[in-house]
Amino acid sequence: MISRSPPREDRPDWRRELSEAYRDPLELLRMLELDSEKIGYAPAAAHLFPFRVTRYYANLIEPRTPADPLLLQILPQTQEMLSATGFEAEPLAESRDAQGNSLLAKYQQRVLLMVSGACAIHCRYCFRRSFPYNDFVGHRRLSDAITRLEQDPEIKEVILSGGDPLVIDDAALGELVRRLEAVPHVSRLRIHSRLPVVLPSRLTPGLLEVLRATRLRTVLVLHINHPREVTQALGDALIPWRQSGLTLLNQAVLLRGVNDDPETLEELSEKLFDAGVLPYYVHLLDRVSGSAHFEVTDARAREIETDLRTRLPGYLMPRFVREVNGEPYKVPLAAA
């Protein structure tokens, strides 16, 4: 069963919802009836990495529950202020792979295109929480990136990333897609986004039409970590996307206290499939500064992966992987 949430028709336009997101952690904690001094809230952590969460997502958090797995993903906590060996501001050194514009050339035959530095929710484990977006995002840099794409016939796939690429509106996204499909050697478009998960109203008919109309084979990769994030609202919003034939995948991050047990990940895979989304990856944590309290050991991750294989059919079994700086592909946990 998919978790219940308010009917979609009761929600305002997604842009208005986005503008009404919580930006003050204390306001959220008051709504949840939680004492900021008793749950480890750290104002200094919110200063280092600003707090933001949509009201839709906040309403999925259980009141009076300090260890709620959805709350833990977004609440600035004292653990973020502790230094930890091996954790750094830019663990994947992505800015080194940039080509002087919005492109990140990390893989063969495919590139990441940094569309925006903005997100609808600021996840505390985000590996790009310190990424210098101002150096890579903007109209001129985007145009330069497309020119670079035109000059490289090896590139077959463009991955829209950020920030979150779906914070830009349908018209702007449509123009970008048209420019990409005009590059003859590009055949696939992949969009990585958490926005539909924290704001299902973003899955507008206009957005779907943009992606249905393109000649590019399109894949939407969602970022869902916990089964309670797979709500009825999200499932309903995805119905026309499933019917259109677009490929829907999910990437999760393995997080201590959130989903680091086989029961939770089993439920997540089952709910994803009910919503028409295939589990794709479970990522081990990228070791960004401030996130050490979320890390799950490799040994525990292997135990979870092994147990999960006994519970799920192969097509619902996500691949456990990590990104290793300098490697041209995701490294399977078994090989790490």
Protein backbone atom coordinates (compact mmCIF):
# COMPACT_ATOMS: atom_id res chain seq x y z
CA MET A 1 0.00 0.00 0.00
CA ILE A 2 1.14 3.57 -0.79
CA SER A 3 1.18 6.01 2.12
CA ARG A 4 -1.75 8.42 2.22
CA SER A 5 -1.38 12.16 1.77
CA PRO A 6 -3.75 15.03 0.94
CA PRO A 7 -5.52 14.83 -2.47
CA ARG A 8 -3.60 16.53 -5.23
CA GLU A 9 -6.48 18.83 -6.18
CA ASP A 10 -6.20 20.46 -2.74
CA ARG A 11 -2.70 21.72 -3.52
CA PRO A 12 -1.83 25.10 -5.05
CA ASP A 13 0.48 25.64 -8.01
CA TRP A 14 3.90 24.03 -7.46
CA ARG A 15 5.71 27.36 -7.76
CA ARG A 16 3.60 28.82 -4.98
CA GLU A 17 4.21 25.74 -2.84
CA LEU A 18 7.91 26.09 -3.47
CA SER A 19 7.89 29.73 -2.38
CA GLU A 20 6.09 28.78 0.85
CA ALA A 21 8.73 26.23 1.95
CA TYR A 22 9.94 26.34 5.54
CA ARG A 23 13.22 28.22 5.88
CA ASP A 24 13.25 28.54 9.66
CA PRO A 25 13.94 25.25 11.49
CA LEU A 26 12.32 26.57 14.65
CA GLU A 27 9.06 27.16 12.81
CA LEU A 28 9.08 23.54 11.67
CA LEU A 29 9.91 22.27 15.16
CA ARG A 30 7.04 24.24 16.63
CA MET A 31 4.69 22.67 14.10
CA LEU A 32 6.03 19.23 15.05
CA GLU A 33 5.77 20.00 18.78
CA LEU A 34 9.46 19.32 19.37
CA ASP A 35 11.82 21.09 21.77
CA SER A 36 14.83 22.35 19.81
CA GLU A 37 17.11 22.06 22.85
CA LYS A 38 16.27 18.41 23.44
CA ILE A 39 16.72 17.05 19.92
CA GLY A 40 20.16 18.34 19.03
CA TYR A 41 19.13 21.19 16.73
CA ALA A 42 22.16 23.33 15.84
CA PRO A 43 21.61 26.89 14.55
CA ALA A 44 25.28 27.00 13.50
CA ALA A 45 24.72 24.02 11.19
CA ALA A 46 21.80 25.84 9.56
CA HIS A 47 24.12 28.79 9.01
CA LEU A 48 26.72 26.65 7.26
CA PHE A 49 24.14 24.91 5.07
CA PRO A 50 20.77 26.72 4.96
CA PHE A 51 17.63 24.87 6.00
CA ARG A 52 14.79 24.39 3.51
CA VAL A 53 11.89 21.94 3.26
CA THR A 54 8.52 22.06 1.52
CA ARG A 55 5.41 22.11 3.66
CA TYR A 56 4.15 19.05 1.80
CA TYR A 57 7.18 17.04 2.93
CA ALA A 58 7.07 18.50 6.44
CA ASN A 59 3.50 17.25 6.77
CA LEU A 60 4.75 13.70 6.23
CA ILE A 61 6.88 13.91 9.40
CA GLU A 62 5.37 12.40 12.54
CA PRO A 63 4.83 15.05 15.24
CA ARG A 64 6.57 14.62 18.58
CA THR A 65 8.98 12.07 17.07
CA PRO A 66 12.62 13.23 17.34
CA ALA A 67 13.97 10.17 15.49
CA ASP A 68 11.50 10.33 12.62
CA PRO A 69 13.50 9.18 9.54
CA LEU A 70 12.15 12.00 7.38
CA LEU A 71 12.99 14.64 9.98
CA LEU A 72 16.54 13.32 10.37
CA GLN A 73 17.19 13.94 6.68
CA ILE A 74 16.47 17.67 6.91
CA LEU A 75 17.12 18.88 10.47
CA PRO A 76 20.41 20.76 11.12
CA GLN A 77 22.00 18.92 14.05
CA THR A 78 25.00 19.28 16.33
CA GLN A 79 26.70 16.25 14.71
CA GLU A 80 27.20 18.33 11.55
CA MET A 81 29.59 20.56 13.45
CA LEU A 82 31.96 17.73 14.38
CA SER A 83 35.01 17.11 12.22
CA ALA A 84 35.51 13.56 10.95
CA THR A 85 38.49 11.99 9.24
CA GLY A 86 37.93 11.43 5.53
CA PHE A 87 34.99 13.83 5.25
CA GLU A 88 35.58 16.93 3.14
CA ALA A 89 33.76 19.81 1.47
CA GLU A 90 33.81 18.34 -2.03
CA PRO A 91 34.38 14.58 -1.68
CA LEU A 92 34.03 13.83 -5.40
CA ALA A 93 36.09 16.84 -6.56
CA GLU A 94 33.44 17.50 -9.20
CA SER A 95 34.46 21.07 -9.92
CA ARG A 96 37.75 19.63 -11.16
CA ASP A 97 35.81 17.69 -13.84
CA ALA A 98 33.94 20.76 -15.06
CA GLN A 99 34.80 22.14 -18.48
CA GLY A 100 34.52 25.84 -17.73
CA ASN A 101 30.75 25.81 -18.21
CA SER A 102 27.75 23.83 -16.89
CA LEU A 103 29.12 20.44 -17.99
CA LEU A 104 30.60 17.87 -15.66
CA ALA A 105 32.48 15.26 -17.67
CA LYS A 106 32.64 12.36 -15.21
CA TYR A 107 31.75 9.43 -17.45
CA GLN A 108 32.31 8.16 -20.98
CA GLN A 109 29.63 8.96 -23.60
CA ARG A 110 27.50 10.87 -21.11
CA VAL A 111 27.75 14.17 -19.28
CA LEU A 112 26.06 15.94 -16.40
CA LEU A 113 24.53 19.29 -17.23
CA MET A 114 24.18 21.54 -14.18
CA VAL A 115 20.85 23.25 -14.79
CA SER A 116 20.32 24.96 -11.44
CA GLY A 117 21.91 25.32 -8.05
CA ALA A 118 18.55 25.48 -6.26
CA CYS A 119 16.59 22.69 -4.56
CA ALA A 120 13.16 22.42 -2.97
CA ILE A 121 14.63 20.64 0.05
CA HIS A 122 18.08 20.78 1.61
CA CYS A 123 19.03 17.24 2.61
CA ARG A 124 21.71 17.33 5.29
CA TYR A 125 23.75 14.54 3.66
CA CYS A 126 23.86 16.30 0.26
CA PHE A 127 27.26 15.73 -1.35
CA ARG A 128 26.93 19.05 -3.18
CA ARG A 129 26.14 21.14 -0.13
CA SER A 130 29.41 23.06 -0.68
CA PHE A 131 29.51 22.92 -4.48
CA PRO A 132 30.42 26.32 -6.08
CA TYR A 133 27.28 26.60 -8.21
CA ASN A 134 27.91 30.24 -9.04
CA ASP A 135 30.95 29.16 -11.04
CA PHE A 136 29.02 26.69 -13.19
CA VAL A 137 25.35 27.66 -13.47
CA GLY A 138 23.86 30.43 -15.63
CA HIS A 139 22.46 31.13 -19.12
CA ARG A 140 25.84 31.91 -20.70
CA ARG A 141 27.50 28.84 -19.19
CA LEU A 142 24.56 26.70 -20.30
CA SER A 143 24.90 27.95 -23.87
CA ASP A 144 28.64 27.30 -23.74
CA ALA A 145 27.93 23.78 -22.52
CA ILE A 146 25.58 23.03 -25.41
CA THR A 147 28.18 24.34 -27.86
CA ARG A 148 30.66 21.95 -26.27
CA LEU A 149 28.16 19.11 -26.65
CA GLU A 150 27.77 19.88 -30.34
CA GLN A 151 31.52 19.52 -30.78
CA ASP A 152 31.80 16.13 -29.08
CA PRO A 153 30.20 13.33 -31.14
CA GLU A 154 31.07 10.78 -28.44
CA ILE A 155 28.35 12.11 -26.13
CA LYS A 156 25.13 10.08 -26.37
CA GLU A 157 23.40 10.94 -23.11
CA VAL A 158 22.84 14.16 -21.19
CA ILE A 159 21.99 13.97 -17.49
CA LEU A 160 20.22 17.04 -16.09
CA SER A 161 21.38 17.66 -12.56
CA GLY A 162 21.91 20.41 -10.04
CA GLY A 163 20.69 21.45 -7.48
CA ASP A 164 17.48 20.16 -8.90
CA PRO A 165 16.76 20.60 -12.62
CA LEU A 166 13.00 20.61 -12.06
CA VAL A 167 13.07 23.90 -10.17
CA ILE A 168 13.08 25.59 -13.57
CA ASP A 169 9.64 25.99 -15.12
CA ASP A 170 8.14 24.01 -17.99
CA ALA A 171 8.80 26.66 -20.62
CA ALA A 172 12.48 26.99 -19.76
CA LEU A 173 12.90 23.23 -19.53
CA GLY A 174 11.14 22.81 -22.86
CA GLU A 175 13.54 25.23 -24.52
CA LEU A 176 16.51 23.38 -23.04
CA VAL A 177 15.19 20.02 -24.25
CA ARG A 178 14.69 21.40 -27.75
CA ARG A 179 18.27 22.64 -27.83
CA LEU A 180 19.55 19.27 -26.67
CA GLU A 181 17.53 17.27 -29.19
CA ALA A 182 18.95 19.46 -31.95
CA VAL A 183 22.36 17.91 -31.21
CA PRO A 184 22.21 14.90 -33.56
CA HIS A 185 24.48 12.52 -31.65
CA VAL A 186 22.60 12.95 -28.33
CA SER A 187 19.96 10.23 -28.08
CA ARG A 188 19.10 9.99 -24.38
CA LEU A 189 18.01 12.45 -21.71
CA ARG A 190 18.13 11.63 -18.03
CA ILE A 191 16.66 13.86 -15.32
CA HIS A 192 17.66 13.37 -11.69
CA SER A 193 15.24 15.04 -9.30
CA ARG A 194 13.96 14.92 -5.74
CA LEU A 195 11.43 17.65 -6.40
CA PRO A 196 8.47 15.39 -7.34
CA VAL A 197 9.05 13.48 -4.08
CA VAL A 198 8.82 16.60 -1.92
CA LEU A 199 6.35 18.39 -4.23
CA PRO A 200 4.28 15.98 -6.38
CA SER A 201 2.44 18.92 -7.94
CA ARG A 202 5.63 19.60 -9.92
CA LEU A 203 4.68 16.70 -12.22
CA THR A 204 2.54 18.96 -14.36
CA PRO A 205 0.86 18.03 -17.67
CA GLY A 206 3.06 20.66 -19.31
CA LEU A 207 6.24 19.02 -18.06
CA LEU A 208 5.06 15.62 -19.23
CA GLU A 209 4.21 17.00 -22.66
CA VAL A 210 7.71 18.49 -22.99
CA LEU A 211 9.26 15.09 -22.35
CA ARG A 212 6.77 13.11 -24.42
CA ALA A 213 7.26 15.37 -27.43
CA THR A 214 11.05 15.04 -27.64
CA ARG A 215 12.79 12.47 -29.83
CA LEU A 216 15.19 11.81 -26.93
CA ARG A 217 14.65 8.63 -24.95
CA THR A 218 13.86 10.07 -21.53
CA VAL A 219 14.49 8.65 -18.07
CA LEU A 220 13.27 10.28 -14.84
CA VAL A 221 15.35 9.22 -11.84
CA LEU A 222 13.72 10.05 -8.51
CA HIS A 223 15.51 10.28 -5.17
CA ILE A 224 13.44 8.44 -2.55
CA ASN A 225 15.08 7.14 0.62
CA HIS A 226 12.18 5.93 2.74
CA PRO A 227 8.87 4.16 2.04
CA ARG A 228 6.87 6.95 3.71
CA GLU A 229 8.08 9.27 0.94
CA VAL A 230 6.10 7.17 -1.57
CA THR A 231 2.73 8.80 -0.93
CA GLN A 232 -0.62 8.45 -2.63
CA ALA A 233 -0.10 11.93 -4.06
CA LEU A 234 3.16 10.91 -5.70
CA GLY A 235 1.69 7.66 -6.99
CA ASP A 236 -1.28 9.49 -8.51
CA ALA A 237 0.96 12.13 -10.08
CA LEU A 238 3.08 9.40 -11.71
CA ILE A 239 0.16 7.60 -13.37
CA PRO A 240 0.27 9.57 -16.64
CA TRP A 241 4.06 9.29 -16.65
CA ARG A 242 3.83 5.52 -16.48
CA GLN A 243 1.16 5.50 -19.17
CA SER A 244 3.34 7.64 -21.43
CA GLY A 245 6.07 5.00 -21.51
CA LEU A 246 8.76 7.12 -19.89
CA THR A 247 11.28 5.16 -17.82
CA LEU A 248 10.98 5.79 -14.07
CA LEU A 249 13.84 4.79 -11.76
CA ASN A 250 14.81 5.49 -8.17
CA GLN A 251 18.09 6.16 -6.41
CA ALA A 252 18.29 6.01 -2.62
CA VAL A 253 21.13 6.88 -0.27
CA LEU A 254 21.89 4.44 2.54
CA LEU A 255 21.57 6.52 5.71
CA ARG A 256 22.05 5.50 9.32
CA GLY A 257 18.86 5.92 11.30
CA VAL A 258 16.80 6.42 8.14
CA ASN A 259 16.85 3.26 6.03
CA ASP A 260 19.78 1.14 7.23
CA ASP A 261 17.85 -2.10 7.63
CA PRO A 262 16.56 -4.65 5.10
CA GLU A 263 12.94 -4.33 6.22
CA THR A 264 12.79 -0.63 5.36
CA LEU A 265 14.49 -1.10 1.99
CA GLU A 266 12.26 -4.06 1.17
CA GLU A 267 9.18 -1.94 1.85
CA LEU A 268 10.68 0.87 -0.22
CA SER A 269 11.21 -1.40 -3.25
CA GLU A 270 7.68 -2.78 -2.98
CA LYS A 271 6.13 0.68 -2.74
CA LEU A 272 8.22 1.97 -5.60
CA PHE A 273 7.02 -0.85 -7.82
CA ASP A 274 3.39 -0.14 -6.80
CA ALA A 275 3.99 3.42 -8.03
CA GLY A 276 5.53 2.24 -11.31
CA VAL A 277 9.12 3.08 -10.35
CA LEU A 278 11.96 0.56 -10.53
CA PRO A 279 14.63 0.52 -7.79
CA TYR A 280 17.93 1.42 -9.46
CA TYR A 281 20.67 2.25 -6.97
CA VAL A 282 21.27 2.32 -3.24
CA HIS A 283 24.22 4.67 -2.87
CA LEU A 284 26.63 4.48 -0.01
CA LEU A 285 27.13 7.89 1.52
CA ASP A 286 29.40 10.37 -0.24
CA ARG A 287 31.67 11.56 2.56
CA VAL A 288 30.85 15.25 2.57
CA SER A 289 31.71 17.36 5.61
CA GLY A 290 28.91 17.40 8.16
CA SER A 291 27.42 14.03 7.20
CA ALA A 292 29.50 11.51 9.19
CA HIS A 293 26.58 10.71 11.50
CA PHE A 294 24.69 9.29 8.51
CA GLU A 295 27.42 6.86 7.45
CA VAL A 296 26.72 3.12 7.37
CA THR A 297 29.79 0.88 7.45
CA ASP A 298 30.63 -1.26 4.44
CA ALA A 299 30.24 -4.39 6.56
CA ARG A 300 26.73 -3.41 7.62
CA ALA A 301 25.83 -2.39 4.06
CA ARG A 302 26.89 -5.83 2.81
CA GLU A 303 24.75 -7.50 5.47
CA ILE A 304 21.75 -5.42 4.40
CA GLU A 305 22.36 -6.14 0.73
CA THR A 306 22.63 -9.90 1.32
CA ASP A 307 19.47 -9.99 3.44
CA LEU A 308 17.59 -7.87 0.92
CA ARG A 309 18.41 -10.31 -1.89
CA THR A 310 16.58 -13.05 0.02
CA ARG A 311 13.48 -10.85 0.28
CA LEU A 312 13.08 -9.40 -3.21
CA PRO A 313 12.81 -10.68 -6.78
CA GLY A 314 15.76 -9.68 -8.94
CA TYR A 315 13.90 -6.90 -10.77
CA LEU A 316 13.17 -5.15 -7.47
CA MET A 317 16.70 -5.49 -6.12
CA PRO A 318 18.61 -2.18 -6.28
CA ARG A 319 22.34 -2.22 -6.92
CA PHE A 320 24.43 -1.18 -3.92
CA VAL A 321 27.12 1.17 -5.19
CA ARG A 322 29.41 4.00 -4.23
CA GLU A 323 30.96 6.77 -6.26
CA VAL A 324 34.73 6.76 -6.09
CA ASN A 325 36.62 9.90 -7.01
CA GLY A 326 38.32 9.35 -10.37
CA GLU A 327 36.44 6.19 -11.37
CA PRO A 328 34.43 6.46 -14.63
CA TYR A 329 31.47 4.48 -13.24
CA LYS A 330 29.63 3.66 -10.03
CA VAL A 331 31.60 1.03 -8.12
CA PRO A 332 29.55 -1.95 -6.85
CA LEU A 333 29.74 -2.46 -3.11
CA ALA A 334 31.05 -5.99 -3.65
CA ALA A 335 34.05 -4.56 -5.52
CA ALA A 336 34.68 -1.61 -3.23
